[in-house]
């Protein structure tokens, strides 16, 4: 289920951001990008791709979670 996986990935992203683990951060963003693209959430996929080139902050992790929440709401509507 995309949303369960996305929640797990965001939690792991938070830990990678806190520890400064760039390799894990990149792998997680790549995984989330692919998963989002596979279920048609292209805006989220594009954002994840862009974030692979920028520093990952707590605010960015919160933004990703908000985008996932928006996707969930749109799907439920």
N, C-alpha and C. Protein backbone atom coordinates (compact mmCIF):
# COMPACT_ATOMS: atom_id res chain seq x y z
N UNK A 1 0.85 -1.18 0.00
CA UNK A 1 0.00 0.00 0.00
C UNK A 1 0.89 1.24 0.00
N UNK A 2 0.70 2.11 -0.97
CA UNK A 2 1.58 3.26 -1.14
C UNK A 2 1.69 4.10 0.13
N UNK A 3 0.57 4.42 0.75
CA UNK A 3 0.61 5.35 1.87
C UNK A 3 1.32 4.76 3.09
N UNK A 4 1.18 3.47 3.31
CA UNK A 4 1.93 2.82 4.39
C UNK A 4 3.43 2.88 4.11
N UNK A 5 3.80 2.54 2.89
CA UNK A 5 5.21 2.58 2.50
C UNK A 5 5.76 4.00 2.58
N UNK A 6 4.98 4.96 2.12
CA UNK A 6 5.43 6.35 2.13
C UNK A 6 5.66 6.84 3.56
N UNK A 7 4.78 6.46 4.48
CA UNK A 7 4.95 6.85 5.87
C UNK A 7 6.25 6.27 6.43
N UNK A 8 6.52 5.02 6.12
CA UNK A 8 7.77 4.39 6.57
C UNK A 8 8.98 5.11 5.96
N UNK A 9 8.91 5.43 4.68
CA UNK A 9 10.02 6.11 4.01
C UNK A 9 10.26 7.50 4.59
N UNK A 10 9.19 8.23 4.90
CA UNK A 10 9.35 9.56 5.48
C UNK A 10 10.01 9.46 6.86
N UNK A 11 9.63 8.47 7.65
CA UNK A 11 10.27 8.27 8.94
C UNK A 11 11.76 7.99 8.79
N UNK A 12 12.10 7.16 7.82
CA UNK A 12 13.50 6.86 7.56
C UNK A 12 14.23 8.09 7.02
N UNK A 13 13.55 8.90 6.22
CA UNK A 13 14.14 10.14 5.73
C UNK A 13 14.46 11.09 6.87
N UNK A 14 13.57 11.15 7.84
CA UNK A 14 13.79 12.01 9.00
C UNK A 14 15.08 11.58 9.72
N UNK A 15 15.23 10.29 9.92
CA UNK A 15 16.44 9.77 10.58
C UNK A 15 17.69 10.06 9.75
N UNK A 16 17.59 9.89 8.43
CA UNK A 16 18.74 10.18 7.57
C UNK A 16 19.10 11.66 7.61
N UNK A 17 18.08 12.52 7.66
CA UNK A 17 18.32 13.96 7.74
C UNK A 17 19.02 14.30 9.05
N UNK A 18 18.56 13.70 10.13
CA UNK A 18 19.14 13.99 11.44
C UNK A 18 20.58 13.52 11.54
N UNK A 19 20.89 12.39 10.91
CA UNK A 19 22.24 11.84 11.00
C UNK A 19 23.18 12.34 9.91
N UNK A 20 22.61 13.04 8.91
CA UNK A 20 23.43 13.54 7.81
C UNK A 20 23.86 12.45 6.84
N UNK A 21 23.10 11.37 6.78
CA UNK A 21 23.43 10.23 5.93
C UNK A 21 22.93 10.49 4.51
N UNK A 22 23.79 11.09 3.70
CA UNK A 22 23.40 11.51 2.35
C UNK A 22 23.09 10.33 1.44
N UNK A 23 23.82 9.24 1.57
CA UNK A 23 23.59 8.09 0.70
C UNK A 23 22.21 7.48 0.96
N UNK A 24 21.87 7.33 2.23
CA UNK A 24 20.55 6.78 2.59
C UNK A 24 19.45 7.74 2.17
N UNK A 25 19.68 9.02 2.39
CA UNK A 25 18.70 10.04 1.98
C UNK A 25 18.42 9.93 0.49
N UNK A 26 19.46 9.83 -0.32
CA UNK A 26 19.28 9.75 -1.76
C UNK A 26 18.52 8.48 -2.15
N UNK A 27 18.87 7.36 -1.53
CA UNK A 27 18.20 6.08 -1.84
C UNK A 27 16.72 6.16 -1.47
N UNK A 28 16.42 6.73 -0.32
CA UNK A 28 15.02 6.83 0.13
C UNK A 28 14.22 7.76 -0.78
N UNK A 29 14.80 8.89 -1.16
CA UNK A 29 14.10 9.81 -2.06
C UNK A 29 13.88 9.16 -3.42
N UNK A 30 14.85 8.40 -3.90
CA UNK A 30 14.70 7.68 -5.17
C UNK A 30 13.56 6.66 -5.07
N UNK A 31 13.51 5.94 -3.96
CA UNK A 31 12.45 4.94 -3.76
C UNK A 31 11.08 5.60 -3.69
N UNK A 32 10.98 6.69 -2.94
CA UNK A 32 9.70 7.39 -2.81
C UNK A 32 9.29 8.00 -4.15
N UNK A 33 10.25 8.51 -4.89
CA UNK A 33 9.96 9.06 -6.23
C UNK A 33 9.35 7.98 -7.13
N UNK A 34 9.96 6.82 -7.15
CA UNK A 34 9.46 5.74 -7.99
C UNK A 34 8.08 5.26 -7.57
N UNK A 35 7.89 5.13 -6.26
CA UNK A 35 6.58 4.68 -5.76
C UNK A 35 5.50 5.70 -6.10
N UNK A 36 5.79 6.98 -5.92
CA UNK A 36 4.81 8.02 -6.22
C UNK A 36 4.49 8.04 -7.71
N UNK A 37 5.50 7.89 -8.53
CA UNK A 37 5.28 7.87 -9.98
C UNK A 37 4.43 6.67 -10.39
N UNK A 38 4.68 5.52 -9.77
CA UNK A 38 3.93 4.31 -10.11
C UNK A 38 2.44 4.42 -9.83
N UNK A 39 2.06 5.23 -8.83
CA UNK A 39 0.63 5.35 -8.50
C UNK A 39 0.04 6.66 -9.03
N UNK A 40 0.82 7.40 -9.85
CA UNK A 40 0.27 8.57 -10.52
C UNK A 40 0.40 9.88 -9.76
N UNK A 41 1.21 9.92 -8.72
CA UNK A 41 1.42 11.16 -7.97
C UNK A 41 2.69 11.84 -8.50
N UNK A 42 2.60 12.33 -9.73
CA UNK A 42 3.78 12.85 -10.42
C UNK A 42 4.35 14.09 -9.74
N UNK A 43 3.52 14.95 -9.17
CA UNK A 43 4.02 16.14 -8.50
C UNK A 43 4.93 15.74 -7.33
N UNK A 44 4.51 14.74 -6.56
CA UNK A 44 5.32 14.24 -5.45
C UNK A 44 6.60 13.61 -5.98
N UNK A 45 6.50 12.83 -7.04
CA UNK A 45 7.69 12.21 -7.64
C UNK A 45 8.69 13.26 -8.10
N UNK A 46 8.20 14.30 -8.75
CA UNK A 46 9.08 15.38 -9.23
C UNK A 46 9.75 16.08 -8.06
N UNK A 47 9.01 16.32 -6.99
CA UNK A 47 9.57 16.98 -5.82
C UNK A 47 10.67 16.12 -5.19
N UNK A 48 10.43 14.82 -5.10
CA UNK A 48 11.45 13.92 -4.56
C UNK A 48 12.71 13.96 -5.42
N UNK A 49 12.55 13.98 -6.73
CA UNK A 49 13.71 14.06 -7.62
C UNK A 49 14.47 15.36 -7.37
N UNK A 50 13.76 16.48 -7.27
CA UNK A 50 14.41 17.77 -7.01
C UNK A 50 15.16 17.75 -5.68
N UNK A 51 14.57 17.12 -4.67
CA UNK A 51 15.17 17.10 -3.34
C UNK A 51 16.46 16.30 -3.30
N UNK A 52 16.65 15.42 -4.25
CA UNK A 52 17.89 14.63 -4.28
C UNK A 52 19.09 15.53 -4.51
N UNK A 53 18.87 16.75 -5.00
CA UNK A 53 19.96 17.69 -5.28
C UNK A 53 20.11 18.76 -4.20
N UNK A 54 19.24 18.74 -3.20
CA UNK A 54 19.25 19.79 -2.17
C UNK A 54 19.44 19.18 -0.79
N UNK A 55 19.87 19.98 0.17
CA UNK A 55 19.98 19.49 1.54
C UNK A 55 18.60 19.13 2.09
N UNK A 56 18.56 18.08 2.89
CA UNK A 56 17.30 17.62 3.47
C UNK A 56 17.20 18.15 4.90
N UNK A 57 16.22 19.02 5.12
CA UNK A 57 16.01 19.60 6.44
C UNK A 57 14.71 19.05 7.04
N UNK A 58 14.51 19.33 8.32
CA UNK A 58 13.25 18.92 8.96
C UNK A 58 12.05 19.52 8.25
N UNK A 59 12.20 20.77 7.79
CA UNK A 59 11.10 21.44 7.10
C UNK A 59 10.76 20.73 5.80
N UNK A 60 11.78 20.26 5.10
CA UNK A 60 11.56 19.56 3.84
C UNK A 60 10.87 18.22 4.09
N UNK A 61 11.28 17.52 5.14
CA UNK A 61 10.63 16.25 5.49
C UNK A 61 9.16 16.51 5.80
N UNK A 62 8.88 17.57 6.54
CA UNK A 62 7.49 17.93 6.85
C UNK A 62 6.72 18.26 5.58
N UNK A 63 7.37 18.94 4.65
CA UNK A 63 6.74 19.27 3.36
C UNK A 63 6.40 18.00 2.58
N UNK A 64 7.30 17.04 2.57
CA UNK A 64 7.04 15.78 1.88
C UNK A 64 5.84 15.08 2.50
N UNK A 65 5.80 15.04 3.83
CA UNK A 65 4.67 14.40 4.50
C UNK A 65 3.37 15.12 4.16
N UNK A 66 3.39 16.42 4.09
CA UNK A 66 2.19 17.19 3.73
C UNK A 66 1.74 16.87 2.32
N UNK A 67 2.69 16.72 1.40
CA UNK A 67 2.34 16.37 0.02
C UNK A 67 1.70 14.98 -0.02
N UNK A 68 2.24 14.04 0.74
CA UNK A 68 1.67 12.70 0.80
C UNK A 68 0.25 12.76 1.36
N UNK A 69 0.07 13.54 2.42
CA UNK A 69 -1.27 13.70 3.00
C UNK A 69 -2.25 14.30 1.99
N UNK A 70 -1.78 15.27 1.20
CA UNK A 70 -2.63 15.86 0.15
C UNK A 70 -3.02 14.82 -0.89
N UNK A 71 -2.07 13.97 -1.27
CA UNK A 71 -2.36 12.91 -2.24
C UNK A 71 -3.43 11.97 -1.68
N UNK A 72 -3.31 11.64 -0.41
CA UNK A 72 -4.29 10.75 0.23
C UNK A 72 -5.68 11.39 0.22
N UNK A 73 -5.75 12.68 0.54
CA UNK A 73 -7.05 13.37 0.55
C UNK A 73 -7.66 13.42 -0.85
N UNK A 74 -6.83 13.70 -1.85
CA UNK A 74 -7.35 13.76 -3.22
C UNK A 74 -7.85 12.41 -3.69
N UNK A 75 -7.18 11.37 -3.29
CA UNK A 75 -7.59 10.02 -3.68
C UNK A 75 -8.91 9.65 -3.01
N UNK A 76 -9.11 10.10 -1.78
CA UNK A 76 -10.31 9.76 -1.03
C UNK A 76 -11.53 10.57 -1.49
N UNK A 77 -11.27 11.72 -2.13
CA UNK A 77 -12.38 12.60 -2.53
C UNK A 77 -13.16 12.05 -3.70
